[in-house]
Amino acid sequence: MSKAEKEALDREVRNIAENPNIGDEKKGDLKSVFVHKFKLQTNLYLLAYRKTRVDIELIMIGSQENYYRDSKSHIKST
């Protein structure tokens, strides 16, 4: 990632921290996981996170292709 992309990602993480309900809550295997979609340049990215009692747990960031399949396997392995 370029420096500008990292700064944009930091802004998106701050947006989530300020408003944890910004993402869409998933169902089924991904219950209690929220996904926030945003663009970096021309690419759509998805950032999965969970709300804890006091914090936000960032789970995974990636492009839309195969994102949910990869998220499920990543979450099951943690």
N, C-alpha and C. Protein backbone atom coordinates (compact mmCIF):
# COMPACT_ATOMS: atom_id res chain seq x y z
N MET A 1 0.83 -1.19 0.00
CA MET A 1 0.00 0.00 0.00
C MET A 1 0.87 1.24 0.00
N SER A 2 0.42 2.22 -0.73
CA SER A 2 1.14 3.48 -0.75
C SER A 2 0.85 4.25 0.54
N LYS A 3 1.63 5.28 0.76
CA LYS A 3 1.43 6.11 1.96
C LYS A 3 0.03 6.73 1.96
N ALA A 4 -0.42 7.21 0.81
CA ALA A 4 -1.75 7.81 0.71
C ALA A 4 -2.85 6.79 1.01
N GLU A 5 -2.66 5.55 0.54
CA GLU A 5 -3.64 4.50 0.81
C GLU A 5 -3.66 4.14 2.29
N LYS A 6 -2.50 4.10 2.93
CA LYS A 6 -2.43 3.81 4.36
C LYS A 6 -3.13 4.91 5.16
N GLU A 7 -2.94 6.16 4.76
CA GLU A 7 -3.61 7.26 5.44
C GLU A 7 -5.12 7.17 5.27
N ALA A 8 -5.57 6.80 4.07
CA ALA A 8 -7.01 6.64 3.82
C ALA A 8 -7.56 5.48 4.67
N LEU A 9 -6.81 4.40 4.77
CA LEU A 9 -7.23 3.28 5.61
C LEU A 9 -7.32 3.70 7.07
N ASP A 10 -6.35 4.46 7.54
CA ASP A 10 -6.39 4.97 8.92
C ASP A 10 -7.65 5.80 9.16
N ARG A 11 -8.02 6.62 8.17
CA ARG A 11 -9.25 7.42 8.30
C ARG A 11 -10.49 6.52 8.42
N GLU A 12 -10.53 5.47 7.63
CA GLU A 12 -11.66 4.55 7.68
C GLU A 12 -11.73 3.83 9.03
N VAL A 13 -10.59 3.44 9.57
CA VAL A 13 -10.55 2.79 10.89
C VAL A 13 -11.04 3.78 11.96
N ARG A 14 -10.62 5.03 11.86
CA ARG A 14 -11.12 6.05 12.80
C ARG A 14 -12.63 6.23 12.66
N ASN A 15 -13.13 6.21 11.42
CA ASN A 15 -14.58 6.31 11.21
C ASN A 15 -15.32 5.18 11.92
N ILE A 16 -14.77 3.97 11.84
CA ILE A 16 -15.38 2.82 12.51
C ILE A 16 -15.33 3.01 14.03
N ALA A 17 -14.19 3.46 14.54
CA ALA A 17 -14.05 3.67 15.98
C ALA A 17 -15.05 4.71 16.49
N GLU A 18 -15.28 5.75 15.70
CA GLU A 18 -16.22 6.80 16.10
C GLU A 18 -17.67 6.37 15.94
N ASN A 19 -17.95 5.50 14.98
CA ASN A 19 -19.31 5.03 14.72
C ASN A 19 -19.28 3.54 14.40
N PRO A 20 -19.26 2.69 15.42
CA PRO A 20 -19.14 1.24 15.19
C PRO A 20 -20.27 0.63 14.37
N ASN A 21 -21.38 1.33 14.25
CA ASN A 21 -22.51 0.80 13.48
C ASN A 21 -22.44 1.18 12.01
N ILE A 22 -21.32 1.74 11.57
CA ILE A 22 -21.16 2.17 10.18
C ILE A 22 -21.21 1.00 9.21
N GLY A 23 -20.76 -0.17 9.64
CA GLY A 23 -20.74 -1.34 8.76
C GLY A 23 -22.04 -2.11 8.81
N ASP A 24 -22.15 -3.07 7.92
CA ASP A 24 -23.32 -3.95 7.87
C ASP A 24 -23.03 -5.21 8.67
N GLU A 25 -23.95 -5.55 9.58
CA GLU A 25 -23.77 -6.78 10.36
C GLU A 25 -24.12 -7.98 9.49
N LYS A 26 -23.28 -8.98 9.55
CA LYS A 26 -23.46 -10.18 8.75
C LYS A 26 -24.30 -11.20 9.50
N LYS A 27 -24.74 -12.21 8.78
CA LYS A 27 -25.58 -13.27 9.36
C LYS A 27 -24.89 -14.62 9.20
N GLY A 28 -25.49 -15.64 9.76
CA GLY A 28 -24.96 -17.00 9.62
C GLY A 28 -23.61 -17.18 10.27
N ASP A 29 -22.66 -17.75 9.52
CA ASP A 29 -21.31 -18.02 10.06
C ASP A 29 -20.60 -16.75 10.49
N LEU A 30 -21.00 -15.63 9.94
CA LEU A 30 -20.32 -14.36 10.24
C LEU A 30 -21.14 -13.49 11.20
N LYS A 31 -22.07 -14.10 11.94
CA LYS A 31 -22.87 -13.35 12.90
C LYS A 31 -21.97 -12.63 13.89
N SER A 32 -22.32 -11.41 14.21
CA SER A 32 -21.58 -10.51 15.10
C SER A 32 -20.37 -9.87 14.43
N VAL A 33 -20.18 -10.13 13.15
CA VAL A 33 -19.12 -9.49 12.38
C VAL A 33 -19.76 -8.40 11.53
N PHE A 34 -19.13 -7.24 11.52
CA PHE A 34 -19.58 -6.12 10.71
C PHE A 34 -18.59 -5.92 9.57
N VAL A 35 -19.10 -5.47 8.43
CA VAL A 35 -18.23 -5.21 7.28
C VAL A 35 -18.49 -3.79 6.80
N HIS A 36 -17.42 -3.02 6.75
CA HIS A 36 -17.46 -1.64 6.26
C HIS A 36 -16.81 -1.63 4.88
N LYS A 37 -17.55 -1.10 3.89
CA LYS A 37 -17.04 -1.03 2.52
C LYS A 37 -16.57 0.39 2.23
N PHE A 38 -15.43 0.49 1.54
CA PHE A 38 -14.91 1.80 1.16
C PHE A 38 -13.99 1.65 -0.03
N LYS A 39 -13.76 2.75 -0.71
CA LYS A 39 -12.88 2.74 -1.89
C LYS A 39 -11.55 3.37 -1.56
N LEU A 40 -10.50 2.77 -2.09
CA LEU A 40 -9.16 3.36 -2.10
C LEU A 40 -8.81 3.47 -3.57
N GLN A 41 -8.71 4.68 -4.03
CA GLN A 41 -8.56 4.97 -5.46
C GLN A 41 -9.75 4.36 -6.18
N THR A 42 -9.55 3.39 -7.04
CA THR A 42 -10.67 2.81 -7.79
C THR A 42 -11.06 1.43 -7.27
N ASN A 43 -10.39 0.94 -6.24
CA ASN A 43 -10.66 -0.40 -5.72
C ASN A 43 -11.59 -0.37 -4.53
N LEU A 44 -12.57 -1.28 -4.52
CA LEU A 44 -13.48 -1.43 -3.39
C LEU A 44 -12.84 -2.38 -2.39
N TYR A 45 -12.76 -1.93 -1.13
CA TYR A 45 -12.22 -2.75 -0.05
C TYR A 45 -13.30 -3.00 0.98
N LEU A 46 -13.16 -4.11 1.68
CA LEU A 46 -14.05 -4.45 2.76
C LEU A 46 -13.20 -4.66 4.00
N LEU A 47 -13.66 -4.12 5.10
CA LEU A 47 -12.95 -4.23 6.37
C LEU A 47 -13.90 -4.87 7.38
N ALA A 48 -13.56 -6.07 7.83
CA ALA A 48 -14.38 -6.81 8.79
C ALA A 48 -13.90 -6.48 10.20
N TYR A 49 -14.87 -6.31 11.10
CA TYR A 49 -14.55 -6.02 12.49
C TYR A 49 -15.65 -6.53 13.40
N ARG A 50 -15.31 -6.66 14.68
CA ARG A 50 -16.27 -7.03 15.72
C ARG A 50 -16.24 -5.98 16.79
N LYS A 51 -17.38 -5.77 17.40
CA LYS A 51 -17.45 -4.86 18.54
C LYS A 51 -17.21 -5.68 19.81
N THR A 52 -16.35 -5.18 20.67
CA THR A 52 -16.18 -5.78 21.99
C THR A 52 -16.81 -4.82 22.99
N ARG A 53 -16.71 -5.13 24.24
CA ARG A 53 -17.31 -4.24 25.25
C ARG A 53 -16.69 -2.85 25.24
N VAL A 54 -15.39 -2.78 24.97
CA VAL A 54 -14.71 -1.48 25.06
C VAL A 54 -13.97 -1.08 23.78
N ASP A 55 -13.81 -2.00 22.84
CA ASP A 55 -12.99 -1.73 21.67
C ASP A 55 -13.65 -2.28 20.40
N ILE A 56 -12.95 -2.06 19.32
CA ILE A 56 -13.28 -2.64 18.03
C ILE A 56 -12.14 -3.59 17.67
N GLU A 57 -12.46 -4.82 17.32
CA GLU A 57 -11.46 -5.79 16.90
C GLU A 57 -11.48 -5.86 15.38
N LEU A 58 -10.39 -5.41 14.76
CA LEU A 58 -10.27 -5.49 13.31
C LEU A 58 -9.90 -6.92 12.94
N ILE A 59 -10.63 -7.49 11.99
CA ILE A 59 -10.44 -8.90 11.65
C ILE A 59 -9.69 -9.06 10.34
N MET A 60 -10.16 -8.39 9.29
CA MET A 60 -9.58 -8.64 7.99
C MET A 60 -9.92 -7.49 7.04
N ILE A 61 -8.98 -7.17 6.16
CA ILE A 61 -9.23 -6.21 5.09
C ILE A 61 -8.88 -6.88 3.77
N GLY A 62 -9.66 -6.59 2.76
CA GLY A 62 -9.36 -7.17 1.45
C GLY A 62 -10.28 -6.62 0.38
N SER A 63 -9.99 -7.01 -0.85
CA SER A 63 -10.85 -6.63 -1.96
C SER A 63 -12.08 -7.52 -1.94
N GLN A 64 -13.07 -7.15 -2.71
CA GLN A 64 -14.36 -7.85 -2.66
C GLN A 64 -14.28 -9.30 -3.15
N GLU A 65 -13.38 -9.59 -4.06
CA GLU A 65 -13.30 -10.94 -4.63
C GLU A 65 -12.99 -11.98 -3.56
N ASN A 66 -13.86 -12.96 -3.40
CA ASN A 66 -13.71 -14.07 -2.44
C ASN A 66 -13.61 -13.61 -0.98
N TYR A 67 -14.01 -12.38 -0.71
CA TYR A 67 -13.83 -11.82 0.63
C TYR A 67 -14.58 -12.61 1.69
N TYR A 68 -15.86 -12.89 1.45
CA TYR A 68 -16.65 -13.56 2.48
C TYR A 68 -16.20 -14.99 2.71
N ARG A 69 -15.81 -15.69 1.65
CA ARG A 69 -15.29 -17.05 1.82
C ARG A 69 -14.02 -17.01 2.66
N ASP A 70 -13.11 -16.10 2.34
CA ASP A 70 -11.86 -15.98 3.08
C ASP A 70 -12.11 -15.53 4.52
N SER A 71 -13.09 -14.66 4.72
CA SER A 71 -13.42 -14.19 6.08
C SER A 71 -13.88 -15.35 6.95
N LYS A 72 -14.74 -16.18 6.41
CA LYS A 72 -15.24 -17.31 7.18
C LYS A 72 -14.10 -18.22 7.62
N SER A 73 -13.19 -18.54 6.71
CA SER A 73 -12.09 -19.43 7.08
C SER A 73 -11.14 -18.76 8.06
N HIS A 74 -10.93 -17.45 7.91
CA HIS A 74 -10.05 -16.73 8.84
C HIS A 74 -10.66 -16.69 10.25
N ILE A 75 -11.95 -16.41 10.34
CA ILE A 75 -12.61 -16.30 11.63
C ILE A 75 -12.65 -17.66 12.33
N LYS A 76 -12.90 -18.72 11.57
CA LYS A 76 -12.95 -20.06 12.17
C LYS A 76 -11.59 -20.49 12.70
N SER A 77 -10.51 -19.97 12.11
CA SER A 77 -9.18 -20.37 12.54
C SER A 77 -8.68 -19.57 13.74
N THR A 78 -9.41 -18.51 14.14
CA THR A 78 -8.97 -17.70 15.29
C THR A 78 -9.69 -18.08 16.55
